[in-house]
């Protein structure tokens, strides 16, 4: 099969190649998925799991990409809950070969059934961003109706979904971003937009929750915007400044089959819009990793057609 492989930890994007790889082995409780569309995160070339397995042993050349949508091609021994030919989507393991390939082996529990009327390109852009937004807001910040939630990077992959979920939950949503993002963020449902090009104002008002995807100085200054007893959540880095009498935490997204199914249903119902930008073939996946190739919305790699 064809796959994108990462060959040199120090080479960055220039170390990515389109190569022939062996068909994956379905271990116990795995499925092999024929990949129709795949999502990736540009920063994953710096993640330890891209280069080493769970025991720390080098596993290059490795296949990047951790979001997959496709069809079950094979069941591993003992696998239940899914069937050959079924449409599925979800997360691949952080320390195994990923989804930028024609086939990928995935733990069955990391996948959810994909409804027939949700396109694979949309589904491939949903797992990391959707689960991150949900877990940050509800599992970690524990938002409730009537609170005020400030979401940094509100036009981005995670932020755009977080804005919609927080608005639906009955909170007052403040979205931040660059000036060019204003119309997008307000159209997603934010009540107020803050322009980070102008700096984060000290008088933005007390909020119950800040959900950060940026880190750095923005994260540090955000602690002062949280009311006493409130929560600061970041996926960029562990916060070093804590809100007064409140919580500050960092988390990494975890697979959740039931929540993936719920997110897909929200997409079907029109309650959640996934911002898909460019859709490119596998032959252009290496170029898509380059920073200068960024486009509004998620870039998705289309590998096979229905």
Protein backbone atom coordinates (compact mmCIF):
# COMPACT_ATOMS: atom_id res chain seq x y z
CA UNK A 1 0.00 0.00 0.00
CA UNK A 2 1.01 3.64 -0.33
CA UNK A 3 1.61 5.78 2.74
CA UNK A 4 3.32 8.95 3.90
CA UNK A 5 6.33 8.03 6.03
CA UNK A 6 8.37 10.12 8.44
CA UNK A 7 12.00 9.12 8.11
CA UNK A 8 14.13 11.67 9.97
CA UNK A 9 13.21 13.32 13.26
CA UNK A 10 15.48 16.30 12.59
CA UNK A 11 14.37 16.87 9.00
CA UNK A 12 10.82 18.05 9.68
CA UNK A 13 8.59 18.21 6.62
CA UNK A 14 11.53 17.49 4.32
CA UNK A 15 11.80 14.07 5.96
CA UNK A 16 8.30 13.06 4.81
CA UNK A 17 8.05 10.76 1.79
CA UNK A 18 5.31 8.98 -0.15
CA UNK A 19 6.44 5.34 -0.10
CA UNK A 20 5.22 1.76 -0.36
CA UNK A 21 4.53 0.16 3.03
CA UNK A 22 3.41 -3.32 4.08
CA UNK A 23 -0.29 -3.92 4.60
CA UNK A 24 -0.93 -3.49 8.37
CA UNK A 25 -1.42 -6.38 10.76
CA UNK A 26 -4.66 -6.47 12.76
CA UNK A 27 -3.71 -7.33 16.34
CA UNK A 28 -6.16 -8.56 18.96
CA UNK A 29 -9.14 -6.18 19.26
CA UNK A 30 -7.94 -4.21 16.21
CA UNK A 31 -9.60 -3.49 12.93
CA UNK A 32 -7.92 -2.65 9.65
CA UNK A 33 -9.59 0.36 8.04
CA UNK A 34 -9.47 1.12 4.34
CA UNK A 35 -8.84 4.84 4.64
CA UNK A 36 -11.11 7.15 2.68
CA UNK A 37 -9.99 10.40 4.33
CA UNK A 38 -7.39 11.31 6.94
CA UNK A 39 -6.67 14.27 9.17
CA UNK A 40 -3.30 15.34 10.53
CA UNK A 41 -1.78 17.89 12.89
CA UNK A 42 1.29 19.75 11.66
CA UNK A 43 2.81 19.73 15.14
CA UNK A 44 2.81 15.94 15.36
CA UNK A 45 6.26 15.76 13.76
CA UNK A 46 7.53 17.03 17.13
CA UNK A 47 5.55 14.52 19.21
CA UNK A 48 7.58 11.71 20.85
CA UNK A 49 4.98 9.13 19.78
CA UNK A 50 5.67 9.87 16.12
CA UNK A 51 9.16 8.44 16.51
CA UNK A 52 8.98 5.86 19.30
CA UNK A 53 6.59 3.15 20.46
CA UNK A 54 5.13 2.83 23.95
CA UNK A 55 8.33 1.28 25.27
CA UNK A 56 10.48 4.10 23.88
CA UNK A 57 11.97 2.07 21.02
CA UNK A 58 12.55 3.82 17.71
CA UNK A 59 9.84 2.97 15.18
CA UNK A 60 10.90 4.94 12.11
CA UNK A 61 9.95 5.03 9.34
CA UNK A 62 6.55 5.82 10.81
CA UNK A 63 3.24 6.91 9.28
CA UNK A 64 1.79 10.18 10.65
CA UNK A 65 -1.86 11.21 10.88
CA UNK A 66 -4.20 10.42 13.79
CA UNK A 67 -7.68 11.01 12.41
CA UNK A 68 -9.30 8.50 10.10
CA UNK A 69 -12.55 7.94 8.27
CA UNK A 70 -13.11 4.89 6.14
CA UNK A 71 -14.50 1.37 5.93
CA UNK A 72 -13.61 -1.68 8.02
CA UNK A 73 -11.59 -4.05 5.84
CA UNK A 74 -10.59 -6.69 8.41
CA UNK A 75 -11.23 -7.65 12.03
CA UNK A 76 -8.50 -8.71 14.41
CA UNK A 77 -8.89 -11.66 16.75
CA UNK A 78 -11.52 -11.03 19.41
CA UNK A 79 -12.76 -7.77 17.89
CA UNK A 80 -16.43 -7.09 18.54
CA UNK A 81 -18.82 -4.20 17.99
CA UNK A 82 -17.82 -3.51 14.37
CA UNK A 83 -18.24 -5.44 11.12
CA UNK A 84 -16.38 -5.73 7.83
CA UNK A 85 -17.70 -3.18 5.35
CA UNK A 86 -18.93 -0.80 8.06
CA UNK A 87 -18.23 2.94 7.75
CA UNK A 88 -16.24 4.18 10.75
CA UNK A 89 -14.24 7.17 11.95
CA UNK A 90 -12.09 8.00 14.93
CA UNK A 91 -8.58 8.27 16.35
CA UNK A 92 -5.52 6.18 15.65
CA UNK A 93 -3.03 5.35 18.40
CA UNK A 94 -0.41 8.04 19.13
CA UNK A 95 2.48 5.52 19.06
CA UNK A 96 1.48 3.37 16.07
CA UNK A 97 1.41 4.01 12.34
CA UNK A 98 -1.29 6.50 11.50
CA UNK A 99 -3.89 7.35 8.92
CA UNK A 100 -1.95 8.93 6.04
CA UNK A 101 -2.02 5.59 4.26
CA UNK A 102 -4.35 3.45 2.20
CA UNK A 103 -4.92 1.14 5.18
CA UNK A 104 -4.40 1.54 8.93
CA UNK A 105 -4.74 -0.79 11.93
CA UNK A 106 -6.68 0.79 14.80
CA UNK A 107 -7.97 -0.36 18.16
CA UNK A 108 -11.69 -0.94 17.61
CA UNK A 109 -12.63 0.96 20.76
CA UNK A 110 -11.16 4.15 19.24
CA UNK A 111 -13.63 4.09 16.35
CA UNK A 112 -17.31 4.92 16.07
CA UNK A 113 -19.84 4.06 13.36
CA UNK A 114 -20.14 6.78 10.72
CA UNK A 115 -23.64 7.55 9.39
CA UNK A 116 -24.06 7.13 5.63
CA UNK A 117 -24.96 10.79 5.14
CA UNK A 118 -21.78 12.21 6.75
CA UNK A 119 -18.98 12.60 4.23
CA UNK A 120 -15.63 11.01 5.00
CA UNK A 121 -13.82 14.34 4.57
CA UNK A 122 -15.98 15.91 7.26
CA UNK A 123 -15.60 12.91 9.55
CA UNK A 124 -11.81 12.94 9.20
CA UNK A 125 -11.71 16.53 10.46
CA UNK A 126 -13.85 15.82 13.52
CA UNK A 127 -12.19 13.37 15.99
CA UNK A 128 -9.31 15.34 17.53
CA UNK A 129 -10.93 18.76 17.31
CA UNK A 130 -14.38 17.60 18.35
CA UNK A 131 -13.27 15.47 21.28
CA UNK A 132 -10.82 18.14 22.43
CA UNK A 133 -13.51 20.82 22.39
CA UNK A 134 -15.99 18.61 24.25
CA UNK A 135 -13.56 17.32 26.86
CA UNK A 136 -12.12 20.77 27.51
CA UNK A 137 -15.51 22.38 28.01
CA UNK A 138 -17.54 19.68 29.73
CA UNK A 139 -15.18 17.10 31.26
CA UNK A 140 -12.49 19.50 32.52
CA UNK A 141 -14.02 23.00 32.78
CA UNK A 142 -17.45 21.57 33.62
CA UNK A 143 -19.33 24.49 32.06
CA UNK A 144 -23.01 25.03 32.87
CA UNK A 145 -25.80 27.18 31.49
CA UNK A 146 -25.50 30.87 32.34
CA UNK A 147 -21.70 30.97 32.63
CA UNK A 148 -19.41 33.15 30.52
CA UNK A 149 -16.81 31.23 28.53
CA UNK A 150 -13.86 32.81 26.70
CA UNK A 151 -12.45 30.67 23.87
CA UNK A 152 -9.09 31.57 22.38
CA UNK A 153 -8.45 30.78 18.72
CA UNK A 154 -12.18 30.65 18.13
CA UNK A 155 -11.89 30.37 14.33
CA UNK A 156 -9.50 27.42 14.49
CA UNK A 157 -10.18 23.70 14.32
CA UNK A 158 -10.79 23.22 18.05
CA UNK A 159 -12.00 26.72 18.82
CA UNK A 160 -14.69 26.78 16.13
CA UNK A 161 -16.27 23.61 17.51
CA UNK A 162 -15.89 24.80 21.10
CA UNK A 163 -17.76 28.02 20.27
CA UNK A 164 -20.69 26.06 18.87
CA UNK A 165 -20.81 23.57 21.74
CA UNK A 166 -20.54 26.27 24.40
CA UNK A 167 -23.27 28.35 22.75
CA UNK A 168 -25.59 25.33 22.55
CA UNK A 169 -24.93 24.67 26.25
CA UNK A 170 -26.43 28.05 27.10
CA UNK A 171 -23.29 29.95 28.00
CA UNK A 172 -22.27 33.46 26.95
CA UNK A 173 -19.40 32.94 24.53
CA UNK A 174 -16.50 35.33 23.97
CA UNK A 175 -14.31 34.30 21.03
CA UNK A 176 -10.82 35.59 20.33
CA UNK A 177 -8.73 35.60 17.20
CA UNK A 178 -7.09 37.84 14.66
CA UNK A 179 -9.06 40.71 13.15
CA UNK A 180 -9.74 38.73 9.97
CA UNK A 181 -11.53 36.08 12.06
CA UNK A 182 -14.24 38.38 13.45
CA UNK A 183 -17.06 37.55 11.03
CA UNK A 184 -16.32 33.82 11.15
CA UNK A 185 -16.33 33.68 14.94
CA UNK A 186 -19.55 35.66 15.28
CA UNK A 187 -21.21 33.52 12.61
CA UNK A 188 -20.29 30.41 14.61
CA UNK A 189 -22.32 31.74 17.51
CA UNK A 190 -19.98 33.78 19.71
CA UNK A 191 -21.73 36.69 21.42
CA UNK A 192 -18.57 38.84 21.48
CA UNK A 193 -15.28 38.89 19.58
CA UNK A 194 -11.92 40.04 20.98
CA UNK A 195 -9.18 40.96 18.51
CA UNK A 196 -5.85 39.49 19.63
CA UNK A 197 -4.07 41.68 17.07
CA UNK A 198 -4.94 44.56 19.38
CA UNK A 199 -3.78 42.65 22.44
CA UNK A 200 -5.78 40.94 25.17
CA UNK A 201 -7.48 43.74 27.12
CA UNK A 202 -7.17 43.76 30.89
CA UNK A 203 -10.77 44.92 31.18
CA UNK A 204 -12.33 42.11 29.15
CA UNK A 205 -14.50 41.35 32.17
CA UNK A 206 -14.55 38.43 34.52
CA UNK A 207 -15.33 35.09 32.91
CA UNK A 208 -16.10 31.73 34.44
CA UNK A 209 -13.96 29.69 32.05
CA UNK A 210 -11.10 30.36 29.65
CA UNK A 211 -10.41 27.65 27.06
CA UNK A 212 -6.93 28.24 25.60
CA UNK A 213 -5.41 26.74 22.46
CA UNK A 214 -2.57 29.26 22.05
CA UNK A 215 -0.34 29.17 25.12
CA UNK A 216 2.50 31.57 25.90
CA UNK A 217 1.74 35.11 26.98
CA UNK A 218 -1.91 34.79 25.97
CA UNK A 219 -2.31 31.87 28.38
CA UNK A 220 -0.49 33.67 31.21
CA UNK A 221 -2.58 36.82 30.85
CA UNK A 222 -5.81 34.85 30.63
CA UNK A 223 -5.62 33.80 34.28
CA UNK A 224 -6.38 37.40 35.24
CA UNK A 225 -9.61 37.33 33.23
CA UNK A 226 -11.07 34.44 35.22
CA UNK A 227 -13.29 35.22 38.16
CA UNK A 228 -12.38 33.94 41.60
CA UNK A 229 -13.08 30.23 41.67
CA UNK A 230 -13.17 29.92 37.89
CA UNK A 231 -11.28 27.60 35.55
CA UNK A 232 -8.46 28.03 33.04
CA UNK A 233 -8.06 25.09 30.63
CA UNK A 234 -5.28 24.81 28.04
CA UNK A 235 -4.37 22.29 25.36
CA UNK A 236 -1.24 24.25 24.40
CA UNK A 237 0.85 23.88 27.56
CA UNK A 238 0.47 23.53 31.34
CA UNK A 239 -0.61 26.89 32.80
CA UNK A 240 1.92 28.57 35.09
CA UNK A 241 -0.52 31.18 36.42
CA UNK A 242 -3.64 30.07 38.27
CA UNK A 243 -6.90 32.03 38.63
CA UNK A 244 -7.58 33.29 42.15
CA UNK A 245 -9.10 30.45 44.18
CA UNK A 246 -9.65 28.61 40.89
CA UNK A 247 -8.31 25.79 38.77
CA UNK A 248 -5.72 25.78 35.99
CA UNK A 249 -5.14 22.61 34.01
CA UNK A 250 -3.68 21.12 30.86
CA UNK A 251 -5.00 18.00 29.14
CA UNK A 252 -4.45 15.77 26.13
CA UNK A 253 -7.48 14.50 24.23
CA UNK A 254 -8.57 10.89 24.81
CA UNK A 255 -10.53 8.55 22.52
CA UNK A 256 -14.24 8.20 23.31
CA UNK A 257 -16.44 6.09 21.01
CA UNK A 258 -19.74 7.24 22.53
CA UNK A 259 -18.83 10.91 22.26
CA UNK A 260 -17.66 10.49 18.67
CA UNK A 261 -21.06 9.04 17.82
CA UNK A 262 -22.75 11.97 19.54
CA UNK A 263 -20.63 14.49 17.61
CA UNK A 264 -21.46 12.77 14.32
CA UNK A 265 -25.15 12.99 15.16
CA UNK A 266 -24.79 16.72 15.83
CA UNK A 267 -23.19 17.11 12.40
CA UNK A 268 -26.11 15.20 10.83
CA UNK A 269 -28.62 17.41 12.63
CA UNK A 270 -26.90 20.60 11.50
CA UNK A 271 -26.12 21.55 15.11
CA UNK A 272 -22.36 21.37 14.54
CA UNK A 273 -20.43 22.68 11.55
CA UNK A 274 -16.95 21.34 10.84
CA UNK A 275 -14.72 23.84 9.01
CA UNK A 276 -13.09 21.78 6.26
CA UNK A 277 -10.70 23.84 4.16
CA UNK A 278 -8.56 22.19 1.49
CA UNK A 279 -9.13 18.56 0.47
CA UNK A 280 -6.00 17.13 -1.15
CA UNK A 281 -4.95 13.69 -2.46
CA UNK A 282 -2.39 11.51 -0.74
CA UNK A 283 0.19 12.51 -3.36
CA UNK A 284 -0.02 16.08 -2.04
CA UNK A 285 0.00 15.25 1.67
CA UNK A 286 3.68 16.10 2.19
CA UNK A 287 3.16 19.57 0.72
CA UNK A 288 0.06 20.02 2.92
CA UNK A 289 2.25 19.75 6.05
CA UNK A 290 4.22 22.89 5.12
CA UNK A 291 3.31 25.94 7.26
CA UNK A 292 2.81 28.11 4.20
CA UNK A 293 0.03 25.77 3.06
CA UNK A 294 -2.30 26.77 5.91
CA UNK A 295 -5.83 27.61 4.80
CA UNK A 296 -8.97 28.54 6.76
CA UNK A 297 -10.46 25.32 8.12
CA UNK A 298 -8.92 21.88 8.40
CA UNK A 299 -6.90 20.38 5.57
CA UNK A 300 -8.05 16.82 4.92
CA UNK A 301 -6.32 14.18 2.80
CA UNK A 302 -8.71 12.24 0.56
CA UNK A 303 -7.33 8.76 -0.09
CA UNK A 304 -10.22 6.70 -1.49
CA UNK A 305 -13.70 7.37 -2.81
CA UNK A 306 -16.90 5.72 -1.59
